[in-house]
């Protein structure tokens, strides 16, 4: 594994256990929380690698619906910028499309 690159996976803010104060979406939340846990385990075995668990925000897609706050281009552009800015830094972070830390 190269130390200059980034491995990023698509999670969701709904995968945050710490932010889950409203419930709902239980199966989706559990699947994303499981992905987050898998990435934390992977990170523990790949010290020095740059690993990102990304939350794209609430995006206007078939799943997000027409009332979502972000268009696809804004979310994707933001995530691409965050990924590029973290290349080669090492460590694991759970970030949104703006680079803001999401609570685990």
PDB file of N, CA and C in Angstrom:
ATOM      1  N   UNK A   1       0.847  -1.167   0.000  1.00  0.00           N
ATOM      2  CA  UNK A   1       0.000   0.000   0.000  1.00  0.00           C
ATOM      3  C   UNK A   1       0.897   1.236   0.000  1.00  0.00           C
ATOM      4  N   UNK A   2       0.661   2.142  -0.907  1.00  0.00           N
ATOM      5  CA  UNK A   2       1.440   3.368  -0.971  1.00  0.00           C
ATOM      6  C   UNK A   2       1.047   4.320   0.154  1.00  0.00           C
ATOM      7  N   UNK A   3       1.985   5.055   0.658  1.00  0.00           N
ATOM      8  CA  UNK A   3       1.724   6.006   1.741  1.00  0.00           C
ATOM      9  C   UNK A   3       1.327   7.378   1.194  1.00  0.00           C
ATOM     10  N   UNK A   4       1.422   7.586  -0.107  1.00  0.00           N
ATOM     11  CA  UNK A   4       1.096   8.885  -0.695  1.00  0.00           C
ATOM     12  C   UNK A   4      -0.379   9.023  -1.037  1.00  0.00           C
ATOM     13  N   UNK A   5      -1.071   7.927  -1.193  1.00  0.00           N
ATOM     14  CA  UNK A   5      -2.463   7.955  -1.615  1.00  0.00           C
ATOM     15  C   UNK A   5      -3.436   8.031  -0.458  1.00  0.00           C
ATOM     16  N   UNK A   6      -4.697   7.838  -0.802  1.00  0.00           N
ATOM     17  CA  UNK A   6      -5.784   7.862   0.181  1.00  0.00           C
ATOM     18  C   UNK A   6      -6.742   6.724  -0.145  1.00  0.00           C
ATOM     19  N   UNK A   7      -7.175   6.029   0.873  1.00  0.00           N
ATOM     20  CA  UNK A   7      -8.298   5.104   0.727  1.00  0.00           C
ATOM     21  C   UNK A   7      -9.481   5.782   1.391  1.00  0.00           C
ATOM     22  N   UNK A   8     -10.506   6.065   0.618  1.00  0.00           N
ATOM     23  CA  UNK A   8     -11.707   6.731   1.142  1.00  0.00           C
ATOM     24  C   UNK A   8     -12.911   5.842   0.875  1.00  0.00           C
ATOM     25  N   UNK A   9     -13.783   5.741   1.868  1.00  0.00           N
ATOM     26  CA  UNK A   9     -15.013   4.975   1.712  1.00  0.00           C
ATOM     27  C   UNK A   9     -16.205   5.898   1.951  1.00  0.00           C
ATOM     28  N   UNK A  10     -17.307   5.595   1.288  1.00  0.00           N
ATOM     29  CA  UNK A  10     -18.517   6.399   1.387  1.00  0.00           C
ATOM     30  C   UNK A  10     -19.382   5.895   2.528  1.00  0.00           C
ATOM     31  N   UNK A  11     -19.429   6.674   3.575  1.00  0.00           N
ATOM     32  CA  UNK A  11     -20.287   6.375   4.708  1.00  0.00           C
ATOM     33  C   UNK A  11     -21.456   7.358   4.657  1.00  0.00           C
ATOM     34  N   UNK A  12     -21.849   7.844   5.806  1.00  0.00           N
ATOM     35  CA  UNK A  12     -22.955   8.793   5.919  1.00  0.00           C
ATOM     36  C   UNK A  12     -22.910   9.400   7.303  1.00  0.00           C
ATOM     37  N   UNK A  13     -23.410  10.600   7.432  1.00  0.00           N
ATOM     38  CA  UNK A  13     -23.578  11.174   8.755  1.00  0.00           C
ATOM     39  C   UNK A  13     -24.514  10.337   9.600  1.00  0.00           C
ATOM     40  N   UNK A  14     -25.414   9.606   8.944  1.00  0.00           N
ATOM     41  CA  UNK A  14     -26.335   8.734   9.672  1.00  0.00           C
ATOM     42  C   UNK A  14     -25.627   7.536  10.292  1.00  0.00           C
ATOM     43  N   UNK A  15     -24.377   7.294   9.900  1.00  0.00           N
ATOM     44  CA  UNK A  15     -23.595   6.222  10.497  1.00  0.00           C
ATOM     45  C   UNK A  15     -22.950   6.623  11.817  1.00  0.00           C
ATOM     46  N   UNK A  16     -23.087   7.888  12.195  1.00  0.00           N
ATOM     47  CA  UNK A  16     -22.529   8.369  13.446  1.00  0.00           C
ATOM     48  C   UNK A  16     -23.404   7.924  14.612  1.00  0.00           C
ATOM     49  N   UNK A  17     -22.828   7.126  15.511  1.00  0.00           N
ATOM     50  CA  UNK A  17     -23.555   6.709  16.708  1.00  0.00           C
ATOM     51  C   UNK A  17     -23.727   7.917  17.636  1.00  0.00           C
ATOM     52  N   UNK A  18     -22.689   8.739  17.738  1.00  0.00           N
ATOM     53  CA  UNK A  18     -22.731   9.902  18.608  1.00  0.00           C
ATOM     54  C   UNK A  18     -23.773  10.930  18.217  1.00  0.00           C
ATOM     55  N   UNK A  19     -24.047  11.039  16.923  1.00  0.00           N
ATOM     56  CA  UNK A  19     -25.033  12.026  16.450  1.00  0.00           C
ATOM     57  C   UNK A  19     -26.447  11.461  16.356  1.00  0.00           C
ATOM     58  N   UNK A  20     -26.625  10.199  16.664  1.00  0.00           N
ATOM     59  CA  UNK A  20     -27.951   9.588  16.516  1.00  0.00           C
ATOM     60  C   UNK A  20     -28.823   9.926  17.723  1.00  0.00           C
ATOM     61  N   UNK A  21     -29.504  11.053  17.623  1.00  0.00           N
ATOM     62  CA  UNK A  21     -30.395  11.469  18.704  1.00  0.00           C
ATOM     63  C   UNK A  21     -31.863  11.378  18.296  1.00  0.00           C
ATOM     64  N   UNK A  22     -32.115  11.098  17.017  1.00  0.00           N
ATOM     65  CA  UNK A  22     -33.500  11.091  16.538  1.00  0.00           C
ATOM     66  C   UNK A  22     -34.006   9.718  16.130  1.00  0.00           C
ATOM     67  N   UNK A  23     -33.124   8.742  16.037  1.00  0.00           N
ATOM     68  CA  UNK A  23     -33.553   7.421  15.599  1.00  0.00           C
ATOM     69  C   UNK A  23     -33.948   7.426  14.129  1.00  0.00           C
ATOM     70  N   UNK A  24     -34.687   6.417  13.724  1.00  0.00           N
ATOM     71  CA  UNK A  24     -35.081   6.274  12.326  1.00  0.00           C
ATOM     72  C   UNK A  24     -33.950   5.721  11.470  1.00  0.00           C
ATOM     73  N   UNK A  25     -34.298   5.233  10.321  1.00  0.00           N
ATOM     74  CA  UNK A  25     -33.328   4.709   9.355  1.00  0.00           C
ATOM     75  C   UNK A  25     -32.430   3.644   9.986  1.00  0.00           C
ATOM     76  N   UNK A  26     -32.953   2.818  10.862  1.00  0.00           N
ATOM     77  CA  UNK A  26     -32.140   1.901  11.651  1.00  0.00           C
ATOM     78  C   UNK A  26     -31.248   0.980  10.828  1.00  0.00           C
ATOM     79  N   UNK A  27     -31.787   0.375   9.790  1.00  0.00           N
ATOM     80  CA  UNK A  27     -30.990  -0.570   8.998  1.00  0.00           C
ATOM     81  C   UNK A  27     -29.889   0.167   8.239  1.00  0.00           C
ATOM     82  N   UNK A  28     -30.210   1.309   7.647  1.00  0.00           N
ATOM     83  CA  UNK A  28     -29.199   2.099   6.934  1.00  0.00           C
ATOM     84  C   UNK A  28     -28.127   2.578   7.912  1.00  0.00           C
ATOM     85  N   UNK A  29     -28.554   3.129   9.056  1.00  0.00           N
ATOM     86  CA  UNK A  29     -27.599   3.596  10.061  1.00  0.00           C
ATOM     87  C   UNK A  29     -26.661   2.459  10.493  1.00  0.00           C
ATOM     88  N   UNK A  30     -27.233   1.296  10.746  1.00  0.00           N
ATOM     89  CA  UNK A  30     -26.430   0.158  11.187  1.00  0.00           C
ATOM     90  C   UNK A  30     -25.423  -0.264  10.119  1.00  0.00           C
ATOM     91  N   UNK A  31     -25.826  -0.237   8.854  1.00  0.00           N
ATOM     92  CA  UNK A  31     -24.896  -0.631   7.794  1.00  0.00           C
ATOM     93  C   UNK A  31     -23.728   0.350   7.701  1.00  0.00           C
ATOM     94  N   UNK A  32     -23.996   1.635   7.857  1.00  0.00           N
ATOM     95  CA  UNK A  32     -22.924   2.636   7.790  1.00  0.00           C
ATOM     96  C   UNK A  32     -22.070   2.604   9.049  1.00  0.00           C
ATOM     97  N   UNK A  33     -22.670   2.384  10.207  1.00  0.00           N
ATOM     98  CA  UNK A  33     -21.890   2.244  11.441  1.00  0.00           C
ATOM     99  C   UNK A  33     -20.975   1.021  11.344  1.00  0.00           C
ATOM    100  N   UNK A  34     -21.462  -0.051  10.715  1.00  0.00           N
ATOM    101  CA  UNK A  34     -20.642  -1.236  10.491  1.00  0.00           C
ATOM    102  C   UNK A  34     -19.465  -0.937   9.577  1.00  0.00           C
ATOM    103  N   UNK A  35     -19.709  -0.177   8.518  1.00  0.00           N
ATOM    104  CA  UNK A  35     -18.620   0.232   7.620  1.00  0.00           C
ATOM    105  C   UNK A  35     -17.596   1.064   8.389  1.00  0.00           C
ATOM    106  N   UNK A  36     -18.081   1.988   9.216  1.00  0.00           N
ATOM    107  CA  UNK A  36     -17.180   2.829   9.996  1.00  0.00           C
ATOM    108  C   UNK A  36     -16.301   1.980  10.915  1.00  0.00           C
ATOM    109  N   UNK A  37     -16.899   0.971  11.543  1.00  0.00           N
ATOM    110  CA  UNK A  37     -16.149   0.072  12.421  1.00  0.00           C
ATOM    111  C   UNK A  37     -15.121  -0.727  11.628  1.00  0.00           C
ATOM    112  N   UNK A  38     -15.509  -1.193  10.459  1.00  0.00           N
ATOM    113  CA  UNK A  38     -14.568  -1.940   9.611  1.00  0.00           C
ATOM    114  C   UNK A  38     -13.373  -1.070   9.231  1.00  0.00           C
ATOM    115  N   UNK A  39     -13.620   0.189   8.912  1.00  0.00           N
ATOM    116  CA  UNK A  39     -12.512   1.086   8.560  1.00  0.00           C
ATOM    117  C   UNK A  39     -11.603   1.348   9.755  1.00  0.00           C
ATOM    118  N   UNK A  40     -12.172   1.494  10.942  1.00  0.00           N
ATOM    119  CA  UNK A  40     -11.337   1.696  12.138  1.00  0.00           C
ATOM    120  C   UNK A  40     -10.463   0.473  12.386  1.00  0.00           C
ATOM    121  N   UNK A  41     -11.009  -0.709  12.186  1.00  0.00           N
ATOM    122  CA  UNK A  41     -10.220  -1.932  12.339  1.00  0.00           C
ATOM    123  C   UNK A  41      -9.126  -2.006  11.287  1.00  0.00           C
ATOM    124  N   UNK A  42      -9.464  -1.677  10.039  1.00  0.00           N
ATOM    125  CA  UNK A  42      -8.483  -1.661   8.951  1.00  0.00           C
ATOM    126  C   UNK A  42      -7.363  -0.673   9.275  1.00  0.00           C
ATOM    127  N   UNK A  43      -7.736   0.507   9.786  1.00  0.00           N
ATOM    128  CA  UNK A  43      -6.747   1.536  10.113  1.00  0.00           C
ATOM    129  C   UNK A  43      -5.769   1.054  11.174  1.00  0.00           C
ATOM    130  N   UNK A  44      -6.255   0.280  12.125  1.00  0.00           N
ATOM    131  CA  UNK A  44      -5.375  -0.191  13.194  1.00  0.00           C
ATOM    132  C   UNK A  44      -4.302  -1.139  12.676  1.00  0.00           C
ATOM    133  N   UNK A  45      -4.542  -1.746  11.525  1.00  0.00           N
ATOM    134  CA  UNK A  45      -3.568  -2.678  10.946  1.00  0.00           C
ATOM    135  C   UNK A  45      -2.745  -2.055   9.826  1.00  0.00           C
ATOM    136  N   UNK A  46      -2.996  -0.782   9.493  1.00  0.00           N
ATOM    137  CA  UNK A  46      -2.291  -0.125   8.389  1.00  0.00           C
ATOM    138  C   UNK A  46      -1.791   1.245   8.824  1.00  0.00           C
ATOM    139  N   UNK A  47      -0.984   1.232   9.863  1.00  0.00           N
ATOM    140  CA  UNK A  47      -0.441   2.473  10.392  1.00  0.00           C
ATOM    141  C   UNK A  47       0.334   3.228   9.313  1.00  0.00           C
ATOM    142  N   UNK A  48       0.119   4.517   9.236  1.00  0.00           N
ATOM    143  CA  UNK A  48       0.800   5.351   8.247  1.00  0.00           C
ATOM    144  C   UNK A  48      -0.015   5.599   6.996  1.00  0.00           C
ATOM    145  N   UNK A  49      -0.984   4.737   6.723  1.00  0.00           N
ATOM    146  CA  UNK A  49      -1.845   4.933   5.557  1.00  0.00           C
ATOM    147  C   UNK A  49      -2.817   6.084   5.829  1.00  0.00           C
ATOM    148  N   UNK A  50      -3.259   6.748   4.775  1.00  0.00           N
ATOM    149  CA  UNK A  50      -4.275   7.788   4.898  1.00  0.00           C
ATOM    150  C   UNK A  50      -5.620   7.172   4.553  1.00  0.00           C
ATOM    151  N   UNK A  51      -6.499   7.124   5.546  1.00  0.00           N
ATOM    152  CA  UNK A  51      -7.804   6.482   5.406  1.00  0.00           C
ATOM    153  C   UNK A  51      -8.891   7.477   5.784  1.00  0.00           C
ATOM    154  N   UNK A  52      -9.894   7.590   4.934  1.00  0.00           N
ATOM    155  CA  UNK A  52     -11.000   8.506   5.192  1.00  0.00           C
ATOM    156  C   UNK A  52     -12.324   7.781   5.122  1.00  0.00           C
ATOM    157  N   UNK A  53     -13.147   8.025   6.104  1.00  0.00           N
ATOM    158  CA  UNK A  53     -14.533   7.595   6.096  1.00  0.00           C
ATOM    159  C   UNK A  53     -15.321   8.872   5.832  1.00  0.00           C
ATOM    160  N   UNK A  54     -16.014   8.930   4.689  1.00  0.00           N
ATOM    161  CA  UNK A  54     -16.615  10.183   4.223  1.00  0.00           C
ATOM    162  C   UNK A  54     -18.139  10.192   4.369  1.00  0.00           C
ATOM    163  N   UNK A  55     -18.653  11.341   4.802  1.00  0.00           N
ATOM    164  CA  UNK A  55     -20.094  11.600   4.847  1.00  0.00           C
ATOM    165  C   UNK A  55     -20.384  12.684   3.809  1.00  0.00           C
ATOM    166  N   UNK A  56     -21.141  12.377   2.769  1.00  0.00           N
ATOM    167  CA  UNK A  56     -21.322  13.322   1.666  1.00  0.00           C
ATOM    168  C   UNK A  56     -22.272  14.471   1.951  1.00  0.00           C
ATOM    169  N   UNK A  57     -22.967  14.432   3.081  1.00  0.00           N
ATOM    170  CA  UNK A  57     -23.997  15.436   3.346  1.00  0.00           C
ATOM    171  C   UNK A  57     -25.346  14.937   2.839  1.00  0.00           C
ATOM    172  N   UNK A  58     -26.364  15.740   3.042  1.00  0.00           N
ATOM    173  CA  UNK A  58     -27.719  15.396   2.589  1.00  0.00           C
ATOM    174  C   UNK A  58     -27.843  15.866   1.149  1.00  0.00           C
ATOM    175  N   UNK A  59     -27.802  14.915   0.219  1.00  0.00           N
ATOM    176  CA  UNK A  59     -27.669  15.213  -1.213  1.00  0.00           C
ATOM    177  C   UNK A  59     -28.973  14.905  -1.949  1.00  0.00           C
ATOM    178  N   UNK A  60     -29.319  15.800  -2.889  1.00  0.00           N
ATOM    179  CA  UNK A  60     -30.513  15.611  -3.714  1.00  0.00           C
ATOM    180  C   UNK A  60     -30.281  14.487  -4.727  1.00  0.00           C
ATOM    181  N   UNK A  61     -30.639  13.284  -4.287  1.00  0.00           N
ATOM    182  CA  UNK A  61     -30.580  12.087  -5.112  1.00  0.00           C
ATOM    183  C   UNK A  61     -31.913  11.372  -4.931  1.00  0.00           C
ATOM    184  N   UNK A  62     -32.055  10.207  -5.541  1.00  0.00           N
ATOM    185  CA  UNK A  62     -33.277   9.424  -5.319  1.00  0.00           C
ATOM    186  C   UNK A  62     -33.459   9.123  -3.838  1.00  0.00           C
ATOM    187  N   UNK A  63     -32.357   8.835  -3.138  1.00  0.00           N
ATOM    188  CA  UNK A  63     -32.459   8.530  -1.716  1.00  0.00           C
ATOM    189  C   UNK A  63     -32.651   9.799  -0.883  1.00  0.00           C
ATOM    190  N   UNK A  64     -31.878  10.837  -1.162  1.00  0.00           N
ATOM    191  CA  UNK A  64     -31.942  12.068  -0.381  1.00  0.00           C
ATOM    192  C   UNK A  64     -33.219  12.859  -0.597  1.00  0.00           C
ATOM    193  N   UNK A  65     -33.785  12.728  -1.794  1.00  0.00           N
ATOM    194  CA  UNK A  65     -35.028  13.414  -2.110  1.00  0.00           C
ATOM    195  C   UNK A  65     -34.829  14.851  -2.558  1.00  0.00           C
ATOM    196  N   UNK A  66     -35.894  15.459  -3.077  1.00  0.00           N
ATOM    197  CA  UNK A  66     -35.798  16.806  -3.633  1.00  0.00           C
ATOM    198  C   UNK A  66     -35.586  17.889  -2.578  1.00  0.00           C
ATOM    199  N   UNK A  67     -35.862  17.608  -1.313  1.00  0.00           N
ATOM    200  CA  UNK A  67     -35.691  18.599  -0.265  1.00  0.00           C
ATOM    201  C   UNK A  67     -34.300  18.641   0.338  1.00  0.00           C
ATOM    202  N   UNK A  68     -33.398  17.775  -0.138  1.00  0.00           N
ATOM    203  CA  UNK A  68     -32.042  17.733   0.412  1.00  0.00           C
ATOM    204  C   UNK A  68     -31.324  19.055   0.172  1.00  0.00           C
ATOM    205  N   UNK A  69     -30.401  19.360   1.044  1.00  0.00           N
ATOM    206  CA  UNK A  69     -29.749  20.672   1.024  1.00  0.00           C
ATOM    207  C   UNK A  69     -28.614  20.817   0.012  1.00  0.00           C
ATOM    208  N   UNK A  70     -28.091  19.733  -0.527  1.00  0.00           N
ATOM    209  CA  UNK A  70     -26.930  19.802  -1.430  1.00  0.00           C
ATOM    210  C   UNK A  70     -27.230  19.201  -2.790  1.00  0.00           C
ATOM    211  N   UNK A  71     -26.660  19.798  -3.828  1.00  0.00           N
ATOM    212  CA  UNK A  71     -26.700  19.143  -5.133  1.00  0.00           C
ATOM    213  C   UNK A  71     -25.503  18.201  -5.216  1.00  0.00           C
ATOM    214  N   UNK A  72     -25.591  17.258  -6.132  1.00  0.00           N
ATOM    215  CA  UNK A  72     -24.558  16.231  -6.278  1.00  0.00           C
ATOM    216  C   UNK A  72     -23.192  16.859  -6.538  1.00  0.00           C
ATOM    217  N   UNK A  73     -23.127  17.846  -7.428  1.00  0.00           N
ATOM    218  CA  UNK A  73     -21.843  18.447  -7.795  1.00  0.00           C
ATOM    219  C   UNK A  73     -21.137  19.063  -6.590  1.00  0.00           C
ATOM    220  N   UNK A  74     -21.871  19.738  -5.729  1.00  0.00           N
ATOM    221  CA  UNK A  74     -21.271  20.362  -4.551  1.00  0.00           C
ATOM    222  C   UNK A  74     -20.697  19.302  -3.612  1.00  0.00           C
ATOM    223  N   UNK A  75     -21.461  18.247  -3.378  1.00  0.00           N
ATOM    224  CA  UNK A  75     -21.002  17.174  -2.500  1.00  0.00           C
ATOM    225  C   UNK A  75     -19.764  16.489  -3.065  1.00  0.00           C
ATOM    226  N   UNK A  76     -19.824  16.122  -4.326  1.00  0.00           N
ATOM    227  CA  UNK A  76     -18.703  15.406  -4.950  1.00  0.00           C
ATOM    228  C   UNK A  76     -17.464  16.286  -5.018  1.00  0.00           C
ATOM    229  N   UNK A  77     -17.626  17.529  -5.408  1.00  0.00           N
ATOM    230  CA  UNK A  77     -16.486  18.448  -5.477  1.00  0.00           C
ATOM    231  C   UNK A  77     -15.859  18.608  -4.094  1.00  0.00           C
ATOM    232  N   UNK A  78     -16.690  18.768  -3.075  1.00  0.00           N
ATOM    233  CA  UNK A  78     -16.176  18.911  -1.717  1.00  0.00           C
ATOM    234  C   UNK A  78     -15.422  17.677  -1.263  1.00  0.00           C
ATOM    235  N   UNK A  79     -15.999  16.500  -1.503  1.00  0.00           N
ATOM    236  CA  UNK A  79     -15.313  15.272  -1.094  1.00  0.00           C
ATOM    237  C   UNK A  79     -13.999  15.103  -1.839  1.00  0.00           C
ATOM    238  N   UNK A  80     -13.989  15.391  -3.126  1.00  0.00           N
ATOM    239  CA  UNK A  80     -12.747  15.272  -3.900  1.00  0.00           C
ATOM    240  C   UNK A  80     -11.675  16.216  -3.347  1.00  0.00           C
ATOM    241  N   UNK A  81     -12.072  17.430  -2.994  1.00  0.00           N
ATOM    242  CA  UNK A  81     -11.115  18.386  -2.420  1.00  0.00           C
ATOM    243  C   UNK A  81     -10.583  17.898  -1.075  1.00  0.00           C
ATOM    244  N   UNK A  82     -11.457  17.355  -0.239  1.00  0.00           N
ATOM    245  CA  UNK A  82     -11.036  16.839   1.074  1.00  0.00           C
ATOM    246  C   UNK A  82     -10.066  15.676   0.878  1.00  0.00           C
ATOM    247  N   UNK A  83     -10.411  14.759   0.003  1.00  0.00           N
ATOM    248  CA  UNK A  83      -9.544  13.602  -0.253  1.00  0.00           C
ATOM    249  C   UNK A  83      -8.178  14.065  -0.745  1.00  0.00           C
ATOM    250  N   UNK A  84      -8.155  14.973  -1.706  1.00  0.00           N
ATOM    251  CA  UNK A  84      -6.883  15.470  -2.240  1.00  0.00           C
ATOM    252  C   UNK A  84      -6.064  16.180  -1.166  1.00  0.00           C
ATOM    253  N   UNK A  85      -6.717  16.931  -0.302  1.00  0.00           N
ATOM    254  CA  UNK A  85      -5.994  17.689   0.722  1.00  0.00           C
ATOM    255  C   UNK A  85      -5.378  16.791   1.794  1.00  0.00           C
ATOM    256  N   UNK A  86      -5.897  15.588   1.951  1.00  0.00           N
ATOM    257  CA  UNK A  86      -5.406  14.676   2.992  1.00  0.00           C
ATOM    258  C   UNK A  86      -4.371  13.673   2.475  1.00  0.00           C
ATOM    259  N   UNK A  87      -4.144  13.650   1.182  1.00  0.00           N
ATOM    260  CA  UNK A  87      -3.237  12.659   0.587  1.00  0.00           C
ATOM    261  C   UNK A  87      -1.877  12.674   1.272  1.00  0.00           C
ATOM    262  N   UNK A  88      -1.432  11.489   1.674  1.00  0.00           N
ATOM    263  CA  UNK A  88      -0.117  11.320   2.254  1.00  0.00           C
ATOM    264  C   UNK A  88       0.016  11.761   3.706  1.00  0.00           C
ATOM    265  N   UNK A  89      -1.051  12.255   4.331  1.00  0.00           N
ATOM    266  CA  UNK A  89      -0.960  12.733   5.713  1.00  0.00           C
ATOM    267  C   UNK A  89      -0.956  11.604   6.740  1.00  0.00           C
ATOM    268  N   UNK A  90      -1.469  10.468   6.355  1.00  0.00           N
ATOM    269  CA  UNK A  90      -1.550   9.348   7.283  1.00  0.00           C
ATOM    270  C   UNK A  90      -2.698   9.519   8.262  1.00  0.00           C
ATOM    271  N   UNK A  91      -3.059   8.421   8.898  1.00  0.00           N
ATOM    272  CA  UNK A  91      -4.125   8.438   9.887  1.00  0.00           C
ATOM    273  C   UNK A  91      -5.492   8.169   9.288  1.00  0.00           C
ATOM    274  N   UNK A  92      -6.458   8.075  10.176  1.00  0.00           N
ATOM    275  CA  UNK A  92      -7.833   7.780   9.778  1.00  0.00           C
ATOM    276  C   UNK A  92      -8.742   8.868  10.328  1.00  0.00           C
ATOM    277  N   UNK A  93      -9.649   9.359   9.502  1.00  0.00           N
ATOM    278  CA  UNK A  93     -10.588  10.391   9.932  1.00  0.00           C
ATOM    279  C   UNK A  93     -11.961  10.115   9.344  1.00  0.00           C
ATOM    280  N   UNK A  94     -12.984  10.526  10.071  1.00  0.00           N
ATOM    281  CA  UNK A  94     -14.390  10.459   9.640  1.00  0.00           C
ATOM    282  C   UNK A  94     -14.780  11.904   9.393  1.00  0.00           C
ATOM    283  N   UNK A  95     -14.932  12.266   8.117  1.00  0.00           N
ATOM    284  CA  UNK A  95     -15.122  13.660   7.715  1.00  0.00           C
ATOM    285  C   UNK A  95     -16.328  13.816   6.808  1.00  0.00           C
ATOM    286  N   UNK A  96     -16.899  15.021   6.801  1.00  0.00           N
ATOM    287  CA  UNK A  96     -17.947  15.315   5.836  1.00  0.00           C
ATOM    288  C   UNK A  96     -17.348  15.933   4.583  1.00  0.00           C
ATOM    289  N   UNK A  97     -18.200  16.326   3.656  1.00  0.00           N
ATOM    290  CA  UNK A  97     -17.740  16.846   2.368  1.00  0.00           C
ATOM    291  C   UNK A  97     -17.019  18.191   2.479  1.00  0.00           C
ATOM    292  N   UNK A  98     -17.095  18.833   3.650  1.00  0.00           N
ATOM    293  CA  UNK A  98     -16.383  20.100   3.884  1.00  0.00           C
ATOM    294  C   UNK A  98     -15.085  19.878   4.659  1.00  0.00           C
ATOM    295  N   UNK A  99     -14.823  18.635   5.055  1.00  0.00           N
ATOM    296  CA  UNK A  99     -13.622  18.343   5.834  1.00  0.00           C
ATOM    297  C   UNK A  99     -13.840  18.472   7.319  1.00  0.00           C
ATOM    298  N   UNK A 100     -15.078  18.640   7.750  1.00  0.00           N
ATOM    299  CA  UNK A 100     -15.414  18.747   9.165  1.00  0.00           C
ATOM    300  C   UNK A 100     -15.494  17.347   9.780  1.00  0.00           C
ATOM    301  N   UNK A 101     -14.920  17.192  10.960  1.00  0.00           N
ATOM    302  CA  UNK A 101     -14.945  15.899  11.651  1.00  0.00           C
ATOM    303  C   UNK A 101     -16.391  15.531  12.015  1.00  0.00           C
ATOM    304  N   UNK A 102     -16.755  14.275  11.733  1.00  0.00           N
ATOM    305  CA  UNK A 102     -18.046  13.726  12.122  1.00  0.00           C
ATOM    306  C   UNK A 102     -17.813  12.857  13.360  1.00  0.00           C
ATOM    307  N   UNK A 103     -18.597  13.031  14.423  1.00  0.00           N
ATOM    308  CA  UNK A 103     -18.415  12.187  15.615  1.00  0.00           C
ATOM    309  C   UNK A 103     -18.660  10.714  15.283  1.00  0.00           C
ATOM    310  N   UNK A 104     -17.848   9.860  15.881  1.00  0.00           N
ATOM    311  CA  UNK A 104     -18.027   8.430  15.656  1.00  0.00           C
ATOM    312  C   UNK A 104     -19.327   7.976  16.258  1.00  0.00           C
TER     313      UNK A 104
END
